[in-house]
């Protein structure tokens, strides 16, 4: 890890490793040690697809998580589905209690962003900010949008 950090001139805290709900992480002491070593270097861990199964809660108990990313199937129709809104509020409450960022995926409209913000989400990603862009266009995108919504943008 240190080799790549030095090679690319970045700091460990600029790296976020996403653990997805659908990926099965072995429940072994070695796995926990390796992830803890990454965290100790400053790498951030995020739980992706949070809310879609039981393992997210187990992973949060095992690993020091910096962010939980609410699955888009829950956030997508938050304005139309009261159950999804309740799930999001509960996840946000958990995130606040654990002092981790809560990321809302698939944010497509201002109304959706405002509702998710009121529920407790603090980072947003989706078409509201940008459709997927090619790697070669990323630097220009960041230069154009730097500071526009600082602290609220995730791509």
Protein backbone atom coordinates (compact mmCIF):
# COMPACT_ATOMS: atom_id res chain seq x y z
CA UNK A 1 0.00 0.00 0.00
CA UNK A 2 2.75 2.43 0.98
CA UNK A 3 4.44 1.85 -2.37
CA UNK A 4 1.35 3.08 -4.25
CA UNK A 5 0.75 5.97 -1.90
CA UNK A 6 4.31 7.18 -2.50
CA UNK A 7 4.21 6.42 -6.24
CA UNK A 8 1.03 8.41 -6.85
CA UNK A 9 1.65 11.18 -4.33
CA UNK A 10 -1.51 10.66 -2.31
CA UNK A 11 -2.20 10.16 1.36
CA UNK A 12 -3.85 7.06 2.78
CA UNK A 13 -6.89 9.05 3.90
CA UNK A 14 -7.61 9.82 0.25
CA UNK A 15 -8.30 6.13 -0.31
CA UNK A 16 -11.65 4.56 0.50
CA UNK A 17 -12.08 0.83 0.30
CA UNK A 18 -15.71 -0.15 -0.27
CA UNK A 19 -16.97 -3.37 1.21
CA UNK A 20 -20.12 -4.39 -0.61
CA UNK A 21 -23.02 -6.23 0.94
CA UNK A 22 -22.95 -8.79 -1.84
CA UNK A 23 -19.29 -9.68 -1.31
CA UNK A 24 -18.64 -12.28 1.30
CA UNK A 25 -15.68 -11.36 3.46
CA UNK A 26 -14.23 -14.34 5.28
CA UNK A 27 -14.94 -14.24 9.00
CA UNK A 28 -11.34 -14.89 9.98
CA UNK A 29 -8.88 -13.29 12.32
CA UNK A 30 -6.50 -12.72 9.38
CA UNK A 31 -9.15 -10.73 7.46
CA UNK A 32 -9.80 -8.56 10.49
CA UNK A 33 -6.07 -7.98 11.02
CA UNK A 34 -5.51 -6.99 7.37
CA UNK A 35 -8.44 -4.57 7.35
CA UNK A 36 -7.32 -3.10 10.67
CA UNK A 37 -3.81 -2.61 9.27
CA UNK A 38 -5.29 -0.74 6.30
CA UNK A 39 -7.32 1.45 8.65
CA UNK A 40 -4.23 2.05 10.79
CA UNK A 41 -2.45 3.46 7.72
CA UNK A 42 -5.32 5.92 7.29
CA UNK A 43 -7.34 4.14 4.59
CA UNK A 44 -11.10 4.66 5.01
CA UNK A 45 -13.61 1.81 4.88
CA UNK A 46 -17.13 2.23 3.53
CA UNK A 47 -20.04 -0.19 3.56
CA UNK A 48 -21.59 -0.18 0.08
CA UNK A 49 -25.16 -1.32 -0.71
CA UNK A 50 -26.06 -0.86 2.94
CA UNK A 51 -29.53 -2.04 3.86
CA UNK A 52 -29.87 -4.87 1.38
CA UNK A 53 -29.05 -7.80 3.66
CA UNK A 54 -27.87 -8.88 7.04
CA UNK A 55 -24.11 -8.74 6.55
CA UNK A 56 -23.81 -4.93 6.63
CA UNK A 57 -24.57 -4.89 10.34
CA UNK A 58 -22.17 -7.75 10.97
CA UNK A 59 -19.44 -5.97 9.01
CA UNK A 60 -20.02 -2.74 10.93
CA UNK A 61 -19.47 -4.68 14.12
CA UNK A 62 -16.23 -6.21 12.81
CA UNK A 63 -14.63 -3.29 10.98
CA UNK A 64 -14.09 0.39 11.80
CA UNK A 65 -16.28 1.92 9.09
CA UNK A 66 -16.06 5.59 8.04
CA UNK A 67 -19.11 5.65 5.79
CA UNK A 68 -22.23 3.70 4.99
CA UNK A 69 -23.65 3.99 1.50
CA UNK A 70 -27.39 3.42 1.35
CA UNK A 71 -28.32 1.18 -1.55
CA UNK A 72 -29.92 3.02 -4.45
CA UNK A 73 -32.92 0.71 -4.54
CA UNK A 74 -33.89 2.24 -1.19
CA UNK A 75 -33.09 5.89 -1.98
CA UNK A 76 -34.40 5.91 -5.54
CA UNK A 77 -38.10 6.07 -4.62
CA UNK A 78 -37.80 7.64 -1.17
CA UNK A 79 -40.36 10.32 -2.10
CA UNK A 80 -42.97 7.69 -2.97
CA UNK A 81 -42.34 4.92 -0.48
CA UNK A 82 -42.84 5.55 3.24
CA UNK A 83 -41.20 2.26 4.20
CA UNK A 84 -38.02 3.23 2.34
CA UNK A 85 -38.07 6.62 4.08
CA UNK A 86 -38.31 4.86 7.46
CA UNK A 87 -35.41 2.56 6.54
CA UNK A 88 -33.30 5.56 5.52
CA UNK A 89 -34.07 7.42 8.76
CA UNK A 90 -33.05 4.34 10.73
CA UNK A 91 -29.80 3.94 8.79
CA UNK A 92 -29.05 7.65 9.27
CA UNK A 93 -29.69 7.34 12.99
CA UNK A 94 -27.24 4.43 13.13
CA UNK A 95 -24.69 6.43 11.14
CA UNK A 96 -25.00 9.44 13.43
CA UNK A 97 -24.68 7.25 16.54
CA UNK A 98 -21.55 5.62 15.10
CA UNK A 99 -20.19 8.99 13.86
CA UNK A 100 -19.88 7.80 10.26
CA UNK A 101 -20.90 9.50 7.03
CA UNK A 102 -24.15 8.39 5.45
CA UNK A 103 -24.01 8.41 1.66
CA UNK A 104 -27.20 8.36 -0.41
CA UNK A 105 -26.74 6.69 -3.79
CA UNK A 106 -28.86 7.33 -6.90
CA UNK A 107 -29.75 10.91 -6.05
CA UNK A 108 -31.39 12.27 -9.19
CA UNK A 109 -33.50 15.30 -8.21
CA UNK A 110 -33.27 18.31 -5.92
CA UNK A 111 -36.43 17.17 -4.09
CA UNK A 112 -34.91 13.76 -3.46
CA UNK A 113 -31.66 15.34 -2.22
CA UNK A 114 -33.55 17.66 0.14
CA UNK A 115 -35.64 14.81 1.59
CA UNK A 116 -32.57 12.61 2.07
CA UNK A 117 -30.71 15.49 3.70
CA UNK A 118 -33.57 16.07 6.13
CA UNK A 119 -33.49 12.36 6.99
CA UNK A 120 -29.81 12.60 7.93
CA UNK A 121 -27.80 11.72 4.83
CA UNK A 122 -24.74 13.95 4.54
CA UNK A 123 -23.12 12.88 1.25
CA UNK A 124 -24.90 12.33 -2.05
CA UNK A 125 -24.00 10.72 -5.34
CA UNK A 126 -25.91 10.25 -8.54
CA UNK A 127 -27.21 11.88 -11.67
CA UNK A 128 -28.25 15.04 -9.80
CA UNK A 129 -24.56 15.93 -9.84
CA UNK A 130 -23.34 14.05 -12.89
CA UNK A 131 -23.94 11.02 -15.05
CA UNK A 132 -21.03 8.56 -15.14
CA UNK A 133 -18.06 10.16 -16.86
CA UNK A 134 -14.98 8.74 -18.52
CA UNK A 135 -11.78 8.65 -16.53
CA UNK A 136 -10.22 11.16 -18.91
CA UNK A 137 -12.98 13.69 -18.08
CA UNK A 138 -12.74 13.39 -14.28
CA UNK A 139 -10.02 15.99 -13.75
CA UNK A 140 -11.92 18.59 -15.79
CA UNK A 141 -15.12 17.78 -13.89
CA UNK A 142 -13.40 18.34 -10.53
CA UNK A 143 -11.78 21.58 -11.70
CA UNK A 144 -15.14 22.86 -12.91
CA UNK A 145 -17.04 21.87 -9.75
CA UNK A 146 -14.39 22.41 -7.05
CA UNK A 147 -16.00 24.11 -4.09
CA UNK A 148 -19.46 24.22 -5.66
CA UNK A 149 -20.87 21.69 -3.24
CA UNK A 150 -17.76 20.88 -1.22
CA UNK A 151 -18.41 18.25 1.44
CA UNK A 152 -21.64 17.16 -0.23
CA UNK A 153 -20.37 15.58 -3.42
CA UNK A 154 -19.48 11.97 -4.01
CA UNK A 155 -18.94 10.42 -7.39
